[in-house]
Amino acid sequence: MVLVDSDHFKLINDTYGHNGDQLLQAMANRMLACVRDTDTLVRLGGDEFVLLLTGRGVAEAMSQVTQRRCLCDPRPLQIEGREFSVSCA
């Protein structure tokens, strides 16, 4: 299990409102692109996500996910003409 928490997301959400929701959706889509069909990604609430790795090859999958840093891709996201960069813990 991996817990992903966005850094300083409250500031983004308070400042940009609806764009914060779109940013969460874009982050979730990026994370989904990194995981296998047998894994589960859920949003706990706010800016927290949990990835549950299941099935065969869990250790290898965990290694790939963490090495590629795809759970929190450092590349900026474009939301309604604004660029957002989000780091995670």
PDB file of N, CA and C in Angstrom:
ATOM      1  N   MET A   1       0.845  -1.166   0.000  1.00  0.00           N
ATOM      2  CA  MET A   1       0.000   0.000   0.000  1.00  0.00           C
ATOM      3  C   MET A   1       0.896   1.237   0.000  1.00  0.00           C
ATOM      4  N   VAL A   2       0.507   2.229  -0.786  1.00  0.00           N
ATOM      5  CA  VAL A   2       1.250   3.481  -0.892  1.00  0.00           C
ATOM      6  C   VAL A   2       0.281   4.633  -0.648  1.00  0.00           C
ATOM      7  N   LEU A   3       0.639   5.520   0.259  1.00  0.00           N
ATOM      8  CA  LEU A   3      -0.154   6.725   0.525  1.00  0.00           C
ATOM      9  C   LEU A   3       0.525   7.895  -0.170  1.00  0.00           C
ATOM     10  N   VAL A   4      -0.232   8.622  -0.973  1.00  0.00           N
ATOM     11  CA  VAL A   4       0.299   9.779  -1.695  1.00  0.00           C
ATOM     12  C   VAL A   4      -0.467  11.013  -1.234  1.00  0.00           C
ATOM     13  N   ASP A   5       0.273  12.001  -0.752  1.00  0.00           N
ATOM     14  CA  ASP A   5      -0.316  13.241  -0.257  1.00  0.00           C
ATOM     15  C   ASP A   5       0.334  14.408  -0.990  1.00  0.00           C
ATOM     16  N   SER A   6      -0.462  15.244  -1.620  1.00  0.00           N
ATOM     17  CA  SER A   6       0.066  16.396  -2.350  1.00  0.00           C
ATOM     18  C   SER A   6       0.510  17.469  -1.375  1.00  0.00           C
ATOM     19  N   ASP A   7       1.666  18.053  -1.663  1.00  0.00           N
ATOM     20  CA  ASP A   7       2.195  19.119  -0.816  1.00  0.00           C
ATOM     21  C   ASP A   7       1.532  20.449  -1.155  1.00  0.00           C
ATOM     22  N   HIS A   8       1.111  21.160  -0.154  1.00  0.00           N
ATOM     23  CA  HIS A   8       0.573  22.528  -0.294  1.00  0.00           C
ATOM     24  C   HIS A   8      -0.659  22.623  -1.186  1.00  0.00           C
ATOM     25  N   PHE A   9      -1.403  21.537  -1.319  1.00  0.00           N
ATOM     26  CA  PHE A   9      -2.577  21.567  -2.202  1.00  0.00           C
ATOM     27  C   PHE A   9      -3.659  22.499  -1.672  1.00  0.00           C
ATOM     28  N   LYS A  10      -3.786  22.625  -0.360  1.00  0.00           N
ATOM     29  CA  LYS A  10      -4.812  23.497   0.211  1.00  0.00           C
ATOM     30  C   LYS A  10      -4.672  24.917  -0.319  1.00  0.00           C
ATOM     31  N   LEU A  11      -3.442  25.392  -0.444  1.00  0.00           N
ATOM     32  CA  LEU A  11      -3.202  26.735  -0.978  1.00  0.00           C
ATOM     33  C   LEU A  11      -3.700  26.845  -2.420  1.00  0.00           C
ATOM     34  N   ILE A  12      -3.423  25.830  -3.229  1.00  0.00           N
ATOM     35  CA  ILE A  12      -3.891  25.832  -4.619  1.00  0.00           C
ATOM     36  C   ILE A  12      -5.420  25.842  -4.653  1.00  0.00           C
ATOM     37  N   ASN A  13      -6.027  24.977  -3.861  1.00  0.00           N
ATOM     38  CA  ASN A  13      -7.485  24.873  -3.849  1.00  0.00           C
ATOM     39  C   ASN A  13      -8.136  26.154  -3.344  1.00  0.00           C
ATOM     40  N   ASP A  14      -7.589  26.746  -2.300  1.00  0.00           N
ATOM     41  CA  ASP A  14      -8.136  27.995  -1.760  1.00  0.00           C
ATOM     42  C   ASP A  14      -7.981  29.148  -2.745  1.00  0.00           C
ATOM     43  N   THR A  15      -6.885  29.150  -3.490  1.00  0.00           N
ATOM     44  CA  THR A  15      -6.604  30.250  -4.417  1.00  0.00           C
ATOM     45  C   THR A  15      -7.368  30.107  -5.732  1.00  0.00           C
ATOM     46  N   TYR A  16      -7.452  28.875  -6.255  1.00  0.00           N
ATOM     47  CA  TYR A  16      -7.999  28.679  -7.590  1.00  0.00           C
ATOM     48  C   TYR A  16      -9.341  27.957  -7.635  1.00  0.00           C
ATOM     49  N   GLY A  17      -9.859  27.546  -6.510  1.00  0.00           N
ATOM     50  CA  GLY A  17     -11.186  26.938  -6.442  1.00  0.00           C
ATOM     51  C   GLY A  17     -11.366  25.755  -7.360  1.00  0.00           C
ATOM     52  N   HIS A  18     -12.250  25.884  -8.339  1.00  0.00           N
ATOM     53  CA  HIS A  18     -12.607  24.794  -9.253  1.00  0.00           C
ATOM     54  C   HIS A  18     -11.397  24.225  -9.977  1.00  0.00           C
ATOM     55  N   ASN A  19     -10.411  25.051 -10.269  1.00  0.00           N
ATOM     56  CA  ASN A  19      -9.199  24.550 -10.927  1.00  0.00           C
ATOM     57  C   ASN A  19      -8.488  23.531 -10.044  1.00  0.00           C
ATOM     58  N   GLY A  20      -8.621  23.664  -8.730  1.00  0.00           N
ATOM     59  CA  GLY A  20      -8.048  22.678  -7.817  1.00  0.00           C
ATOM     60  C   GLY A  20      -8.672  21.317  -8.019  1.00  0.00           C
ATOM     61  N   ASP A  21      -9.980  21.273  -8.239  1.00  0.00           N
ATOM     62  CA  ASP A  21     -10.659  20.008  -8.506  1.00  0.00           C
ATOM     63  C   ASP A  21     -10.162  19.395  -9.814  1.00  0.00           C
ATOM     64  N   GLN A  22     -10.000  20.224 -10.824  1.00  0.00           N
ATOM     65  CA  GLN A  22      -9.504  19.733 -12.113  1.00  0.00           C
ATOM     66  C   GLN A  22      -8.066  19.237 -11.979  1.00  0.00           C
ATOM     67  N   LEU A  23      -7.291  19.892 -11.138  1.00  0.00           N
ATOM     68  CA  LEU A  23      -5.917  19.463 -10.906  1.00  0.00           C
ATOM     69  C   LEU A  23      -5.895  18.084 -10.247  1.00  0.00           C
ATOM     70  N   LEU A  24      -6.765  17.857  -9.275  1.00  0.00           N
ATOM     71  CA  LEU A  24      -6.858  16.535  -8.650  1.00  0.00           C
ATOM     72  C   LEU A  24      -7.218  15.459  -9.665  1.00  0.00           C
ATOM     73  N   GLN A  25      -8.139  15.772 -10.566  1.00  0.00           N
ATOM     74  CA  GLN A  25      -8.529  14.813 -11.601  1.00  0.00           C
ATOM     75  C   GLN A  25      -7.355  14.520 -12.531  1.00  0.00           C
ATOM     76  N   ALA A  26      -6.623  15.540 -12.902  1.00  0.00           N
ATOM     77  CA  ALA A  26      -5.467  15.347 -13.787  1.00  0.00           C
ATOM     78  C   ALA A  26      -4.385  14.525 -13.089  1.00  0.00           C
ATOM     79  N   MET A  27      -4.170  14.780 -11.805  1.00  0.00           N
ATOM     80  CA  MET A  27      -3.197  13.990 -11.042  1.00  0.00           C
ATOM     81  C   MET A  27      -3.627  12.528 -10.978  1.00  0.00           C
ATOM     82  N   ALA A  28      -4.908  12.297 -10.720  1.00  0.00           N
ATOM     83  CA  ALA A  28      -5.423  10.926 -10.644  1.00  0.00           C
ATOM     84  C   ALA A  28      -5.246  10.211 -11.982  1.00  0.00           C
ATOM     85  N   ASN A  29      -5.501  10.906 -13.080  1.00  0.00           N
ATOM     86  CA  ASN A  29      -5.333  10.297 -14.405  1.00  0.00           C
ATOM     87  C   ASN A  29      -3.883   9.908 -14.660  1.00  0.00           C
ATOM     88  N   ARG A  30      -2.952  10.763 -14.237  1.00  0.00           N
ATOM     89  CA  ARG A  30      -1.535  10.427 -14.386  1.00  0.00           C
ATOM     90  C   ARG A  30      -1.183   9.195 -13.560  1.00  0.00           C
ATOM     91  N   MET A  31      -1.687   9.148 -12.338  1.00  0.00           N
ATOM     92  CA  MET A  31      -1.391   8.003 -11.476  1.00  0.00           C
ATOM     93  C   MET A  31      -1.977   6.719 -12.054  1.00  0.00           C
ATOM     94  N   LEU A  32      -3.202   6.801 -12.573  1.00  0.00           N
ATOM     95  CA  LEU A  32      -3.842   5.621 -13.154  1.00  0.00           C
ATOM     96  C   LEU A  32      -3.051   5.076 -14.333  1.00  0.00           C
ATOM     97  N   ALA A  33      -2.398   5.954 -15.064  1.00  0.00           N
ATOM     98  CA  ALA A  33      -1.609   5.526 -16.215  1.00  0.00           C
ATOM     99  C   ALA A  33      -0.369   4.740 -15.783  1.00  0.00           C
ATOM    100  N   CYS A  34       0.002   4.811 -14.515  1.00  0.00           N
ATOM    101  CA  CYS A  34       1.209   4.155 -14.003  1.00  0.00           C
ATOM    102  C   CYS A  34       0.961   2.800 -13.376  1.00  0.00           C
ATOM    103  N   VAL A  35      -0.273   2.479 -13.086  1.00  0.00           N
ATOM    104  CA  VAL A  35      -0.542   1.262 -12.323  1.00  0.00           C
ATOM    105  C   VAL A  35      -1.103   0.159 -13.222  1.00  0.00           C
ATOM    106  N   ARG A  36      -1.055  -1.045 -12.695  1.00  0.00           N
ATOM    107  CA  ARG A  36      -1.542  -2.207 -13.435  1.00  0.00           C
ATOM    108  C   ARG A  36      -3.056  -2.344 -13.263  1.00  0.00           C
ATOM    109  N   ASP A  37      -3.663  -3.146 -14.113  1.00  0.00           N
ATOM    110  CA  ASP A  37      -5.108  -3.379 -14.028  1.00  0.00           C
ATOM    111  C   ASP A  37      -5.499  -4.054 -12.720  1.00  0.00           C
ATOM    112  N   THR A  38      -4.579  -4.783 -12.115  1.00  0.00           N
ATOM    113  CA  THR A  38      -4.891  -5.495 -10.866  1.00  0.00           C
ATOM    114  C   THR A  38      -4.767  -4.607  -9.632  1.00  0.00           C
ATOM    115  N   ASP A  39      -4.231  -3.408  -9.788  1.00  0.00           N
ATOM    116  CA  ASP A  39      -4.032  -2.494  -8.662  1.00  0.00           C
ATOM    117  C   ASP A  39      -5.252  -1.594  -8.486  1.00  0.00           C
ATOM    118  N   THR A  40      -5.344  -0.998  -7.319  1.00  0.00           N
ATOM    119  CA  THR A  40      -6.477  -0.112  -7.023  1.00  0.00           C
ATOM    120  C   THR A  40      -5.943   1.243  -6.566  1.00  0.00           C
ATOM    121  N   LEU A  41      -6.446   2.295  -7.176  1.00  0.00           N
ATOM    122  CA  LEU A  41      -6.108   3.658  -6.778  1.00  0.00           C
ATOM    123  C   LEU A  41      -7.389   4.333  -6.315  1.00  0.00           C
ATOM    124  N   VAL A  42      -7.366   4.890  -5.106  1.00  0.00           N
ATOM    125  CA  VAL A  42      -8.541   5.578  -4.576  1.00  0.00           C
ATOM    126  C   VAL A  42      -8.128   6.917  -3.987  1.00  0.00           C
ATOM    127  N   ARG A  43      -9.058   7.824  -4.003  1.00  0.00           N
ATOM    128  CA  ARG A  43      -8.855   9.109  -3.337  1.00  0.00           C
ATOM    129  C   ARG A  43      -9.498   8.997  -1.963  1.00  0.00           C
ATOM    130  N   LEU A  44      -8.694   9.226  -0.927  1.00  0.00           N
ATOM    131  CA  LEU A  44      -9.211   9.164   0.441  1.00  0.00           C
ATOM    132  C   LEU A  44     -10.056  10.386   0.760  1.00  0.00           C
ATOM    133  N   GLY A  45      -9.640  11.503   0.257  1.00  0.00           N
ATOM    134  CA  GLY A  45     -10.311  12.765   0.522  1.00  0.00           C
ATOM    135  C   GLY A  45      -9.288  13.869   0.384  1.00  0.00           C
ATOM    136  N   GLY A  46      -9.758  15.060   0.126  1.00  0.00           N
ATOM    137  CA  GLY A  46      -8.824  16.163  -0.054  1.00  0.00           C
ATOM    138  C   GLY A  46      -7.836  15.839  -1.148  1.00  0.00           C
ATOM    139  N   ASP A  47      -6.567  15.859  -0.798  1.00  0.00           N
ATOM    140  CA  ASP A  47      -5.507  15.602  -1.777  1.00  0.00           C
ATOM    141  C   ASP A  47      -4.754  14.313  -1.477  1.00  0.00           C
ATOM    142  N   GLU A  48      -5.387  13.391  -0.771  1.00  0.00           N
ATOM    143  CA  GLU A  48      -4.744  12.129  -0.417  1.00  0.00           C
ATOM    144  C   GLU A  48      -5.269  10.985  -1.283  1.00  0.00           C
ATOM    145  N   PHE A  49      -4.328  10.208  -1.811  1.00  0.00           N
ATOM    146  CA  PHE A  49      -4.639   9.039  -2.610  1.00  0.00           C
ATOM    147  C   PHE A  49      -3.970   7.822  -1.993  1.00  0.00           C
ATOM    148  N   VAL A  50      -4.564   6.655  -2.194  1.00  0.00           N
ATOM    149  CA  VAL A  50      -3.959   5.399  -1.767  1.00  0.00           C
ATOM    150  C   VAL A  50      -3.891   4.474  -2.963  1.00  0.00           C
ATOM    151  N   LEU A  51      -2.725   3.855  -3.134  1.00  0.00           N
ATOM    152  CA  LEU A  51      -2.532   2.850  -4.160  1.00  0.00           C
ATOM    153  C   LEU A  51      -2.355   1.515  -3.464  1.00  0.00           C
ATOM    154  N   LEU A  52      -3.200   0.565  -3.811  1.00  0.00           N
ATOM    155  CA  LEU A  52      -3.104  -0.788  -3.278  1.00  0.00           C
ATOM    156  C   LEU A  52      -2.644  -1.703  -4.401  1.00  0.00           C
ATOM    157  N   LEU A  53      -1.437  -2.236  -4.249  1.00  0.00           N
ATOM    158  CA  LEU A  53      -0.867  -3.139  -5.238  1.00  0.00           C
ATOM    159  C   LEU A  53      -1.247  -4.566  -4.865  1.00  0.00           C
ATOM    160  N   THR A  54      -1.863  -5.270  -5.797  1.00  0.00           N
ATOM    161  CA  THR A  54      -2.309  -6.633  -5.529  1.00  0.00           C
ATOM    162  C   THR A  54      -1.901  -7.552  -6.675  1.00  0.00           C
ATOM    163  N   GLY A  55      -2.062  -8.828  -6.443  1.00  0.00           N
ATOM    164  CA  GLY A  55      -1.785  -9.796  -7.495  1.00  0.00           C
ATOM    165  C   GLY A  55      -0.326 -10.199  -7.531  1.00  0.00           C
ATOM    166  N   ARG A  56       0.052 -10.781  -8.638  1.00  0.00           N
ATOM    167  CA  ARG A  56       1.417 -11.277  -8.808  1.00  0.00           C
ATOM    168  C   ARG A  56       2.391 -10.135  -9.051  1.00  0.00           C
ATOM    169  N   GLY A  57       3.612 -10.326  -8.583  1.00  0.00           N
ATOM    170  CA  GLY A  57       4.673  -9.360  -8.864  1.00  0.00           C
ATOM    171  C   GLY A  57       4.538  -8.047  -8.129  1.00  0.00           C
ATOM    172  N   VAL A  58       4.017  -8.077  -6.912  1.00  0.00           N
ATOM    173  CA  VAL A  58       3.804  -6.838  -6.159  1.00  0.00           C
ATOM    174  C   VAL A  58       5.127  -6.115  -5.903  1.00  0.00           C
ATOM    175  N   ALA A  59       6.167  -6.843  -5.525  1.00  0.00           N
ATOM    176  CA  ALA A  59       7.456  -6.209  -5.245  1.00  0.00           C
ATOM    177  C   ALA A  59       8.013  -5.521  -6.488  1.00  0.00           C
ATOM    178  N   GLU A  60       7.912  -6.185  -7.618  1.00  0.00           N
ATOM    179  CA  GLU A  60       8.389  -5.590  -8.867  1.00  0.00           C
ATOM    180  C   GLU A  60       7.549  -4.366  -9.242  1.00  0.00           C
ATOM    181  N   ALA A  61       6.247  -4.466  -9.075  1.00  0.00           N
ATOM    182  CA  ALA A  61       5.361  -3.338  -9.383  1.00  0.00           C
ATOM    183  C   ALA A  61       5.677  -2.146  -8.488  1.00  0.00           C
ATOM    184  N   MET A  62       5.910  -2.402  -7.198  1.00  0.00           N
ATOM    185  CA  MET A  62       6.239  -1.314  -6.274  1.00  0.00           C
ATOM    186  C   MET A  62       7.535  -0.636  -6.695  1.00  0.00           C
ATOM    187  N   SER A  63       8.510  -1.419  -7.079  1.00  0.00           N
ATOM    188  CA  SER A  63       9.780  -0.877  -7.524  1.00  0.00           C
ATOM    189  C   SER A  63       9.601   0.005  -8.759  1.00  0.00           C
ATOM    190  N   GLN A  64       8.827  -0.461  -9.719  1.00  0.00           N
ATOM    191  CA  GLN A  64       8.593   0.316 -10.938  1.00  0.00           C
ATOM    192  C   GLN A  64       7.858   1.609 -10.643  1.00  0.00           C
ATOM    193  N   VAL A  65       6.840   1.543  -9.803  1.00  0.00           N
ATOM    194  CA  VAL A  65       6.051   2.732  -9.481  1.00  0.00           C
ATOM    195  C   VAL A  65       6.913   3.777  -8.784  1.00  0.00           C
ATOM    196  N   THR A  66       7.724   3.353  -7.821  1.00  0.00           N
ATOM    197  CA  THR A  66       8.522   4.326  -7.077  1.00  0.00           C
ATOM    198  C   THR A  66       9.708   4.830  -7.888  1.00  0.00           C
ATOM    199  N   GLN A  67      10.308   3.991  -8.695  1.00  0.00           N
ATOM    200  CA  GLN A  67      11.451   4.429  -9.497  1.00  0.00           C
ATOM    201  C   GLN A  67      11.039   5.405 -10.583  1.00  0.00           C
ATOM    202  N   ARG A  68       9.884   5.190 -11.157  1.00  0.00           N
ATOM    203  CA  ARG A  68       9.430   6.088 -12.235  1.00  0.00           C
ATOM    204  C   ARG A  68       8.815   7.370 -11.694  1.00  0.00           C
ATOM    205  N   ARG A  69       8.609   7.449 -10.398  1.00  0.00           N
ATOM    206  CA  ARG A  69       8.013   8.611  -9.757  1.00  0.00           C
ATOM    207  C   ARG A  69       6.687   9.002 -10.418  1.00  0.00           C
ATOM    208  N   CYS A  70       5.979   8.029 -10.951  1.00  0.00           N
ATOM    209  CA  CYS A  70       4.756   8.352 -11.674  1.00  0.00           C
ATOM    210  C   CYS A  70       3.579   8.628 -10.745  1.00  0.00           C
ATOM    211  N   LEU A  71       3.681   8.272  -9.472  1.00  0.00           N
ATOM    212  CA  LEU A  71       2.573   8.587  -8.579  1.00  0.00           C
ATOM    213  C   LEU A  71       2.475  10.084  -8.340  1.00  0.00           C
ATOM    214  N   CYS A  72       3.562  10.762  -8.464  1.00  0.00           N
ATOM    215  CA  CYS A  72       3.529  12.228  -8.394  1.00  0.00           C
ATOM    216  C   CYS A  72       4.507  12.752  -9.431  1.00  0.00           C
ATOM    217  N   ASP A  73       4.054  12.791 -10.646  1.00  0.00           N
ATOM    218  CA  ASP A  73       4.853  13.230 -11.779  1.00  0.00           C
ATOM    219  C   ASP A  73       5.233  14.700 -11.588  1.00  0.00           C
ATOM    220  N   PRO A  74       6.517  15.023 -11.633  1.00  0.00           N
ATOM    221  CA  PRO A  74       6.937  16.408 -11.388  1.00  0.00           C
ATOM    222  C   PRO A  74       6.653  17.378 -12.541  1.00  0.00           C
ATOM    223  N   ARG A  75       6.244  16.854 -13.701  1.00  0.00           N
ATOM    224  CA  ARG A  75       5.966  17.750 -14.826  1.00  0.00           C
ATOM    225  C   ARG A  75       4.729  18.603 -14.532  1.00  0.00           C
ATOM    226  N   PRO A  76       4.767  19.874 -14.909  1.00  0.00           N
ATOM    227  CA  PRO A  76       3.604  20.747 -14.672  1.00  0.00           C
ATOM    228  C   PRO A  76       2.372  20.275 -15.424  1.00  0.00           C
ATOM    229  N   LEU A  77       1.216  20.567 -14.870  1.00  0.00           N
ATOM    230  CA  LEU A  77      -0.070  20.274 -15.499  1.00  0.00           C
ATOM    231  C   LEU A  77      -0.706  21.581 -15.950  1.00  0.00           C
ATOM    232  N   GLN A  78      -1.346  21.561 -17.116  1.00  0.00           N
ATOM    233  CA  GLN A  78      -2.044  22.736 -17.646  1.00  0.00           C
ATOM    234  C   GLN A  78      -3.532  22.602 -17.323  1.00  0.00           C
ATOM    235  N   ILE A  79      -4.063  23.564 -16.600  1.00  0.00           N
ATOM    236  CA  ILE A  79      -5.484  23.600 -16.263  1.00  0.00           C
ATOM    237  C   ILE A  79      -6.015  24.982 -16.619  1.00  0.00           C
ATOM    238  N   GLU A  80      -6.904  25.026 -17.602  1.00  0.00           N
ATOM    239  CA  GLU A  80      -7.533  26.274 -18.051  1.00  0.00           C
ATOM    240  C   GLU A  80      -6.518  27.400 -18.242  1.00  0.00           C
ATOM    241  N   GLY A  81      -5.444  27.102 -18.978  1.00  0.00           N
ATOM    242  CA  GLY A  81      -4.451  28.108 -19.310  1.00  0.00           C
ATOM    243  C   GLY A  81      -3.457  28.425 -18.207  1.00  0.00           C
ATOM    244  N   ARG A  82      -3.562  27.765 -17.075  1.00  0.00           N
ATOM    245  CA  ARG A  82      -2.610  27.983 -15.972  1.00  0.00           C
ATOM    246  C   ARG A  82      -1.758  26.728 -15.825  1.00  0.00           C
ATOM    247  N   GLU A  83      -0.512  26.950 -15.411  1.00  0.00           N
ATOM    248  CA  GLU A  83       0.405  25.841 -15.197  1.00  0.00           C
ATOM    249  C   GLU A  83       0.546  25.588 -13.700  1.00  0.00           C
ATOM    250  N   PHE A  84       0.365  24.317 -13.301  1.00  0.00           N
ATOM    251  CA  PHE A  84       0.462  23.934 -11.909  1.00  0.00           C
ATOM    252  C   PHE A  84       1.528  22.846 -11.745  1.00  0.00           C
ATOM    253  N   SER A  85       2.386  23.020 -10.776  1.00  0.00           N
ATOM    254  CA  SER A  85       3.372  22.007 -10.419  1.00  0.00           C
ATOM    255  C   SER A  85       3.036  21.547  -9.009  1.00  0.00           C
ATOM    256  N   VAL A  86       2.945  20.235  -8.829  1.00  0.00           N
ATOM    257  CA  VAL A  86       2.578  19.685  -7.527  1.00  0.00           C
ATOM    258  C   VAL A  86       3.620  18.664  -7.115  1.00  0.00           C
ATOM    259  N   SER A  87       4.096  18.794  -5.896  1.00  0.00           N
ATOM    260  CA  SER A  87       4.990  17.785  -5.341  1.00  0.00           C
ATOM    261  C   SER A  87       4.206  16.955  -4.342  1.00  0.00           C
ATOM    262  N   CYS A  88       4.706  15.777  -4.040  1.00  0.00           N
ATOM    263  CA  CYS A  88       3.992  14.857  -3.163  1.00  0.00           C
ATOM    264  C   CYS A  88       4.914  14.234  -2.129  1.00  0.00           C
ATOM    265  N   ALA A  89       4.278  13.733  -1.112  1.00  0.00           N
ATOM    266  CA  ALA A  89       4.990  12.972  -0.086  1.00  0.00           C
ATOM    267  C   ALA A  89       4.351  11.607  -0.004  1.00  0.00           C
TER     268      ALA A  89
END
